[in-house]
Amino acid sequence: MCIWTSKARATASLLVASLLLAACFENASLSRATSRGGDGPSGPAAVSVLDGSVTVTGPAGYCVDESGTRESANEAFVLLVRCVATRRNSPILSATVTGLMAPGSADADNLMRLGTFLDTRGGRRQLSRDGDASDVTIMETRVEDGALWLRIEDSGNPDTFEPGYWRAILPVSGRVVTLSVLSSRAHPVAEERGLMVLRDFVAALRSRNTP
């Protein structure tokens, strides 16, 4: 039997609450996204959100899609697309930054607890784009490099996206951040390449927000 300390339970609960907020915020924005083949009008390379607490930036060649970016008092959703059209199919990226602080959330045990919870019916319901746990299958879960990495199949994804996508959950500047790499149905991207892009996304975000 796994026994949580009160501190561990509180931290894991905070991560879960942050993820629930992120899911609601992401869904509203992604449902309005249109199929653009991973390319869009060139926007800024980075944008600061939540009073400058976190600066969102993507891997080289990605720009912020300002039309798909939203921010409230306690949460921000940023959509990123290729700055210029390319011949190679490219994924679409998203970042959700919550206003909740997450001290100690990079601890591997806390991240693994979150991963375990997400593979329950309640956790899959939170991950689901339409709130239906039966739509979601977690294909892979790993804790590496201070982040929780998930390969998710969600049949409730907006029609413009493939059901399978990669997601990373990690703390950045003390905030809970969720990064996703989505494949357009019109221009699909292989699973392995999607993970490579997600790793580059995580590295770029951390580098930009390192004091």
C-alpha atoms as a PDB file:
ATOM      1  CA  MET A   1       0.000   0.000   0.000  1.00  0.00           C
ATOM      2  CA  CYS A   2       1.272   3.466  -0.908  1.00  0.00           C
ATOM      3  CA  ILE A   3       1.081   5.939   1.974  1.00  0.00           C
ATOM      4  CA  TRP A   4       1.313   9.629   1.084  1.00  0.00           C
ATOM      5  CA  THR A   5       2.617  12.237   3.462  1.00  0.00           C
ATOM      6  CA  SER A   6       0.410  15.293   3.858  1.00  0.00           C
ATOM      7  CA  LYS A   7       2.940  17.363   1.907  1.00  0.00           C
ATOM      8  CA  ALA A   8       3.111  14.867  -0.952  1.00  0.00           C
ATOM      9  CA  ARG A   9      -0.684  14.591  -1.050  1.00  0.00           C
ATOM     10  CA  ALA A  10      -1.061  18.363  -1.133  1.00  0.00           C
ATOM     11  CA  THR A  11       1.467  18.730  -3.951  1.00  0.00           C
ATOM     12  CA  ALA A  12      -0.090  15.972  -6.027  1.00  0.00           C
ATOM     13  CA  SER A  13      -3.559  17.453  -5.424  1.00  0.00           C
ATOM     14  CA  LEU A  14      -2.300  20.823  -6.626  1.00  0.00           C
ATOM     15  CA  LEU A  15      -0.994  19.230  -9.817  1.00  0.00           C
ATOM     16  CA  VAL A  16      -4.340  17.543 -10.424  1.00  0.00           C
ATOM     17  CA  ALA A  17      -6.245  20.787  -9.827  1.00  0.00           C
ATOM     18  CA  SER A  18      -3.933  22.611 -12.204  1.00  0.00           C
ATOM     19  CA  LEU A  19      -4.430  19.979 -14.866  1.00  0.00           C
ATOM     20  CA  LEU A  20      -8.205  20.229 -14.543  1.00  0.00           C
ATOM     21  CA  LEU A  21      -8.049  23.980 -15.081  1.00  0.00           C
ATOM     22  CA  ALA A  22      -5.722  23.477 -18.047  1.00  0.00           C
ATOM     23  CA  ALA A  23      -8.037  20.954 -19.698  1.00  0.00           C
ATOM     24  CA  CYS A  24     -11.003  23.327 -19.587  1.00  0.00           C
ATOM     25  CA  PHE A  25      -8.968  26.201 -20.972  1.00  0.00           C
ATOM     26  CA  GLU A  26      -7.330  24.142 -23.745  1.00  0.00           C
ATOM     27  CA  ASN A  27     -10.568  22.633 -24.976  1.00  0.00           C
ATOM     28  CA  ALA A  28     -12.248  25.951 -25.675  1.00  0.00           C
ATOM     29  CA  SER A  29      -9.273  27.161 -27.733  1.00  0.00           C
ATOM     30  CA  LEU A  30      -8.489  23.953 -29.608  1.00  0.00           C
ATOM     31  CA  SER A  31     -12.122  23.447 -30.598  1.00  0.00           C
ATOM     32  CA  ARG A  32     -11.862  26.701 -32.560  1.00  0.00           C
ATOM     33  CA  ALA A  33      -8.559  25.852 -34.203  1.00  0.00           C
ATOM     34  CA  THR A  34      -8.715  25.281 -37.952  1.00  0.00           C
ATOM     35  CA  SER A  35      -6.618  22.977 -40.107  1.00  0.00           C
ATOM     36  CA  ARG A  36      -3.685  24.965 -41.400  1.00  0.00           C
ATOM     37  CA  GLY A  37      -1.176  22.216 -41.973  1.00  0.00           C
ATOM     38  CA  GLY A  38       0.959  23.400 -39.050  1.00  0.00           C
ATOM     39  CA  ASP A  39       1.642  26.771 -40.679  1.00  0.00           C
ATOM     40  CA  GLY A  40       0.065  30.111 -39.986  1.00  0.00           C
ATOM     41  CA  PRO A  41       0.602  33.846 -40.120  1.00  0.00           C
ATOM     42  CA  SER A  42       3.970  34.773 -38.699  1.00  0.00           C
ATOM     43  CA  GLY A  43       3.648  36.066 -35.137  1.00  0.00           C
ATOM     44  CA  PRO A  44       6.160  36.780 -32.365  1.00  0.00           C
ATOM     45  CA  ALA A  45       8.677  34.120 -31.382  1.00  0.00           C
ATOM     46  CA  ALA A  46       7.625  34.397 -27.728  1.00  0.00           C
ATOM     47  CA  VAL A  47       4.932  35.844 -25.501  1.00  0.00           C
ATOM     48  CA  SER A  48       4.945  36.595 -21.770  1.00  0.00           C
ATOM     49  CA  VAL A  49       1.838  35.588 -19.822  1.00  0.00           C
ATOM     50  CA  LEU A  50       0.389  35.938 -16.323  1.00  0.00           C
ATOM     51  CA  ASP A  51       2.015  39.286 -15.612  1.00  0.00           C
ATOM     52  CA  GLY A  52       5.320  38.158 -17.069  1.00  0.00           C
ATOM     53  CA  SER A  53       5.711  35.160 -14.767  1.00  0.00           C
ATOM     54  CA  VAL A  54       6.315  32.780 -17.697  1.00  0.00           C
ATOM     55  CA  THR A  55       7.489  33.444 -21.247  1.00  0.00           C
ATOM     56  CA  VAL A  56       6.194  30.908 -23.749  1.00  0.00           C
ATOM     57  CA  THR A  57       8.367  30.113 -26.733  1.00  0.00           C
ATOM     58  CA  GLY A  58       8.656  27.116 -29.009  1.00  0.00           C
ATOM     59  CA  PRO A  59      11.447  25.315 -30.808  1.00  0.00           C
ATOM     60  CA  ALA A  60      13.304  27.085 -33.614  1.00  0.00           C
ATOM     61  CA  GLY A  61      10.985  27.891 -36.510  1.00  0.00           C
ATOM     62  CA  TYR A  62       7.821  28.223 -34.401  1.00  0.00           C
ATOM     63  CA  CYS A  63       5.892  31.426 -33.766  1.00  0.00           C
ATOM     64  CA  VAL A  64       2.967  32.341 -31.543  1.00  0.00           C
ATOM     65  CA  ASP A  65      -0.414  32.241 -33.271  1.00  0.00           C
ATOM     66  CA  GLU A  66      -1.973  35.278 -31.655  1.00  0.00           C
ATOM     67  CA  SER A  67      -5.458  34.430 -32.947  1.00  0.00           C
ATOM     68  CA  GLY A  68      -5.360  31.133 -31.051  1.00  0.00           C
ATOM     69  CA  THR A  69      -3.935  32.519 -27.817  1.00  0.00           C
ATOM     70  CA  ARG A  70      -6.088  33.314 -24.781  1.00  0.00           C
ATOM     71  CA  GLU A  71      -5.367  34.587 -21.291  1.00  0.00           C
ATOM     72  CA  SER A  72      -7.443  35.061 -18.161  1.00  0.00           C
ATOM     73  CA  ALA A  73      -6.523  36.299 -14.723  1.00  0.00           C
ATOM     74  CA  ASN A  74      -5.230  32.877 -13.659  1.00  0.00           C
ATOM     75  CA  GLU A  75      -4.496  30.928 -16.823  1.00  0.00           C
ATOM     76  CA  ALA A  76      -3.036  31.322 -20.302  1.00  0.00           C
ATOM     77  CA  PHE A  77      -3.272  29.183 -23.425  1.00  0.00           C
ATOM     78  CA  VAL A  78      -0.746  29.765 -26.218  1.00  0.00           C
ATOM     79  CA  LEU A  79      -0.922  28.174 -29.656  1.00  0.00           C
ATOM     80  CA  LEU A  80       2.268  27.918 -31.718  1.00  0.00           C
ATOM     81  CA  VAL A  81       2.609  27.114 -35.427  1.00  0.00           C
ATOM     82  CA  ARG A  82       5.383  27.144 -37.995  1.00  0.00           C
ATOM     83  CA  CYS A  83       6.458  30.718 -38.764  1.00  0.00           C
ATOM     84  CA  VAL A  84       6.626  30.014 -42.493  1.00  0.00           C
ATOM     85  CA  ALA A  85       5.249  27.247 -44.660  1.00  0.00           C
ATOM     86  CA  THR A  86       7.447  24.178 -45.100  1.00  0.00           C
ATOM     87  CA  ARG A  87       7.236  21.175 -47.377  1.00  0.00           C
ATOM     88  CA  ARG A  88       7.512  18.862 -44.387  1.00  0.00           C
ATOM     89  CA  ASN A  89       4.421  18.198 -42.293  1.00  0.00           C
ATOM     90  CA  SER A  90       4.736  19.982 -38.962  1.00  0.00           C
ATOM     91  CA  PRO A  91       2.839  19.518 -35.703  1.00  0.00           C
ATOM     92  CA  ILE A  92       0.901  22.265 -33.959  1.00  0.00           C
ATOM     93  CA  LEU A  93       2.036  23.122 -30.433  1.00  0.00           C
ATOM     94  CA  SER A  94       0.158  24.397 -27.406  1.00  0.00           C
ATOM     95  CA  ALA A  95       1.156  25.566 -23.951  1.00  0.00           C
ATOM     96  CA  THR A  96      -1.169  26.057 -21.000  1.00  0.00           C
ATOM     97  CA  VAL A  97       0.236  27.984 -18.040  1.00  0.00           C
ATOM     98  CA  THR A  98      -1.754  27.980 -14.813  1.00  0.00           C
ATOM     99  CA  GLY A  99      -1.687  30.667 -12.189  1.00  0.00           C
ATOM    100  CA  LEU A 100      -1.285  28.080  -9.430  1.00  0.00           C
ATOM    101  CA  MET A 101       2.146  27.813  -7.889  1.00  0.00           C
ATOM    102  CA  ALA A 102       3.663  24.327  -7.821  1.00  0.00           C
ATOM    103  CA  PRO A 103       6.510  24.136  -5.317  1.00  0.00           C
ATOM    104  CA  GLY A 104       8.293  20.792  -5.426  1.00  0.00           C
ATOM    105  CA  SER A 105       6.181  19.418  -8.277  1.00  0.00           C
ATOM    106  CA  ALA A 106       9.270  18.325 -10.225  1.00  0.00           C
ATOM    107  CA  ASP A 107       9.844  15.591  -7.635  1.00  0.00           C
ATOM    108  CA  ALA A 108       9.730  12.256  -9.467  1.00  0.00           C
ATOM    109  CA  ASP A 109       7.433  10.659  -6.883  1.00  0.00           C
ATOM    110  CA  ASN A 110       4.862  13.450  -7.203  1.00  0.00           C
ATOM    111  CA  LEU A 111       4.951  13.258 -10.981  1.00  0.00           C
ATOM    112  CA  MET A 112       4.552   9.492 -10.908  1.00  0.00           C
ATOM    113  CA  ARG A 113       1.560   9.838  -8.564  1.00  0.00           C
ATOM    114  CA  LEU A 114       0.020  12.246 -11.026  1.00  0.00           C
ATOM    115  CA  GLY A 115       0.675   9.797 -13.863  1.00  0.00           C
ATOM    116  CA  THR A 116      -0.944   6.993 -11.866  1.00  0.00           C
ATOM    117  CA  PHE A 117      -4.001   9.126 -11.146  1.00  0.00           C
ATOM    118  CA  LEU A 118      -4.369  10.136 -14.800  1.00  0.00           C
ATOM    119  CA  ASP A 119      -4.677   6.483 -15.772  1.00  0.00           C
ATOM    120  CA  THR A 120      -7.805   6.124 -13.619  1.00  0.00           C
ATOM    121  CA  ARG A 121     -11.300   6.853 -14.876  1.00  0.00           C
ATOM    122  CA  GLY A 122     -11.292  10.189 -13.062  1.00  0.00           C
ATOM    123  CA  GLY A 123      -7.928  11.121 -14.519  1.00  0.00           C
ATOM    124  CA  ARG A 124      -8.865  10.162 -18.061  1.00  0.00           C
ATOM    125  CA  ARG A 125     -12.029  12.231 -17.713  1.00  0.00           C
ATOM    126  CA  GLN A 126      -9.895  15.264 -16.893  1.00  0.00           C
ATOM    127  CA  LEU A 127      -7.661  14.617 -19.906  1.00  0.00           C
ATOM    128  CA  SER A 128     -10.607  14.116 -22.250  1.00  0.00           C
ATOM    129  CA  ARG A 129     -11.379  16.970 -24.619  1.00  0.00           C
ATOM    130  CA  ASP A 130     -15.106  16.429 -24.115  1.00  0.00           C
ATOM    131  CA  GLY A 131     -15.100  15.113 -20.553  1.00  0.00           C
ATOM    132  CA  ASP A 132     -15.724  11.458 -21.499  1.00  0.00           C
ATOM    133  CA  ALA A 133     -13.210   9.108 -19.863  1.00  0.00           C
ATOM    134  CA  SER A 134     -14.010   6.352 -22.358  1.00  0.00           C
ATOM    135  CA  ASP A 135     -12.584   8.518 -25.165  1.00  0.00           C
ATOM    136  CA  VAL A 136      -9.103   8.467 -23.640  1.00  0.00           C
ATOM    137  CA  THR A 137      -6.401   5.812 -23.590  1.00  0.00           C
ATOM    138  CA  ILE A 138      -2.988   6.548 -22.106  1.00  0.00           C
ATOM    139  CA  MET A 139      -0.588   4.658 -24.343  1.00  0.00           C
ATOM    140  CA  GLU A 140       2.606   5.562 -22.494  1.00  0.00           C
ATOM    141  CA  THR A 141       3.591   7.238 -19.230  1.00  0.00           C
ATOM    142  CA  ARG A 142       7.110   8.136 -18.193  1.00  0.00           C
ATOM    143  CA  VAL A 143       8.785  10.433 -15.699  1.00  0.00           C
ATOM    144  CA  GLU A 144      12.036  11.845 -17.032  1.00  0.00           C
ATOM    145  CA  ASP A 145      14.022  15.039 -16.698  1.00  0.00           C
ATOM    146  CA  GLY A 146      11.685  16.604 -14.144  1.00  0.00           C
ATOM    147  CA  ALA A 147       8.562  16.186 -16.262  1.00  0.00           C
ATOM    148  CA  LEU A 148       5.669  13.782 -16.774  1.00  0.00           C
ATOM    149  CA  TRP A 149       5.528  12.605 -20.405  1.00  0.00           C
ATOM    150  CA  LEU A 150       2.298  11.118 -21.776  1.00  0.00           C
ATOM    151  CA  ARG A 151       1.283   9.586 -25.082  1.00  0.00           C
ATOM    152  CA  ILE A 152      -2.485   9.962 -25.253  1.00  0.00           C
ATOM    153  CA  GLU A 153      -5.181   8.748 -27.635  1.00  0.00           C
ATOM    154  CA  ASP A 154      -8.318  10.874 -27.392  1.00  0.00           C
ATOM    155  CA  SER A 155     -11.149  10.163 -29.817  1.00  0.00           C
ATOM    156  CA  GLY A 156     -12.759  13.372 -28.585  1.00  0.00           C
ATOM    157  CA  ASN A 157     -10.008  15.588 -30.024  1.00  0.00           C
ATOM    158  CA  PRO A 158     -11.300  18.315 -32.345  1.00  0.00           C
ATOM    159  CA  ASP A 159     -11.880  16.950 -35.869  1.00  0.00           C
ATOM    160  CA  THR A 160      -8.946  18.894 -37.256  1.00  0.00           C
ATOM    161  CA  PHE A 161      -6.478  16.908 -35.113  1.00  0.00           C
ATOM    162  CA  GLU A 162      -5.378  13.286 -34.981  1.00  0.00           C
ATOM    163  CA  PRO A 163      -6.558  11.494 -31.809  1.00  0.00           C
ATOM    164  CA  GLY A 164      -3.003  10.621 -30.754  1.00  0.00           C
ATOM    165  CA  TYR A 165      -0.763  13.298 -29.282  1.00  0.00           C
ATOM    166  CA  TRP A 166       2.106  13.902 -26.860  1.00  0.00           C
ATOM    167  CA  ARG A 167       1.815  15.898 -23.641  1.00  0.00           C
ATOM    168  CA  ALA A 168       4.345  16.972 -21.019  1.00  0.00           C
ATOM    169  CA  ILE A 169       3.465  18.351 -17.576  1.00  0.00           C
ATOM    170  CA  LEU A 170       6.184  20.212 -15.698  1.00  0.00           C
ATOM    171  CA  PRO A 171       6.873  23.191 -13.444  1.00  0.00           C
ATOM    172  CA  VAL A 172       8.282  26.334 -15.070  1.00  0.00           C
ATOM    173  CA  SER A 173       9.107  29.309 -12.894  1.00  0.00           C
ATOM    174  CA  GLY A 174       7.059  27.676 -10.141  1.00  0.00           C
ATOM    175  CA  ARG A 175       3.936  27.378 -12.314  1.00  0.00           C
ATOM    176  CA  VAL A 176       2.315  24.200 -13.591  1.00  0.00           C
ATOM    177  CA  VAL A 177       2.732  24.124 -17.365  1.00  0.00           C
ATOM    178  CA  THR A 178       1.206  21.658 -19.817  1.00  0.00           C
ATOM    179  CA  LEU A 179       2.768  21.358 -23.277  1.00  0.00           C
ATOM    180  CA  SER A 180       1.150  19.444 -26.125  1.00  0.00           C
ATOM    181  CA  VAL A 181       2.240  18.444 -29.615  1.00  0.00           C
ATOM    182  CA  LEU A 182      -0.737  17.814 -31.888  1.00  0.00           C
ATOM    183  CA  SER A 183      -0.828  16.351 -35.361  1.00  0.00           C
ATOM    184  CA  SER A 184      -3.160  17.806 -37.964  1.00  0.00           C
ATOM    185  CA  ARG A 185      -5.362  15.243 -39.715  1.00  0.00           C
ATOM    186  CA  ALA A 186      -4.620  16.956 -43.016  1.00  0.00           C
ATOM    187  CA  HIS A 187      -0.855  16.856 -42.409  1.00  0.00           C
ATOM    188  CA  PRO A 188      -0.116  13.994 -39.964  1.00  0.00           C
ATOM    189  CA  VAL A 189       3.176  13.717 -38.112  1.00  0.00           C
ATOM    190  CA  ALA A 190       4.784  10.441 -37.014  1.00  0.00           C
ATOM    191  CA  GLU A 191       4.676   9.599 -33.305  1.00  0.00           C
ATOM    192  CA  GLU A 192       8.482   9.557 -32.965  1.00  0.00           C
ATOM    193  CA  ARG A 193       8.843  12.978 -34.535  1.00  0.00           C
ATOM    194  CA  GLY A 194       6.125  14.363 -32.304  1.00  0.00           C
ATOM    195  CA  LEU A 195       8.087  13.281 -29.223  1.00  0.00           C
ATOM    196  CA  MET A 196      11.262  14.875 -30.592  1.00  0.00           C
ATOM    197  CA  VAL A 197       9.409  18.158 -31.098  1.00  0.00           C
ATOM    198  CA  LEU A 198       7.990  17.963 -27.567  1.00  0.00           C
ATOM    199  CA  ARG A 199      11.485  17.485 -26.118  1.00  0.00           C
ATOM    200  CA  ASP A 200      12.667  20.535 -28.053  1.00  0.00           C
ATOM    201  CA  PHE A 201       9.612  22.454 -26.829  1.00  0.00           C
ATOM    202  CA  VAL A 202      10.372  21.628 -23.188  1.00  0.00           C
ATOM    203  CA  ALA A 203      14.036  22.580 -23.637  1.00  0.00           C
ATOM    204  CA  ALA A 204      13.174  25.893 -25.312  1.00  0.00           C
ATOM    205  CA  LEU A 205      10.687  26.849 -22.600  1.00  0.00           C
ATOM    206  CA  ARG A 206      13.083  26.010 -19.791  1.00  0.00           C
ATOM    207  CA  SER A 207      15.944  27.875 -21.424  1.00  0.00           C
ATOM    208  CA  ARG A 208      13.848  31.008 -21.920  1.00  0.00           C
ATOM    209  CA  ASN A 209      12.640  30.971 -18.290  1.00  0.00           C
ATOM    210  CA  THR A 210      15.924  30.172 -16.573  1.00  0.00           C
ATOM    211  CA  PRO A 211      17.143  33.198 -14.560  1.00  0.00           C
END
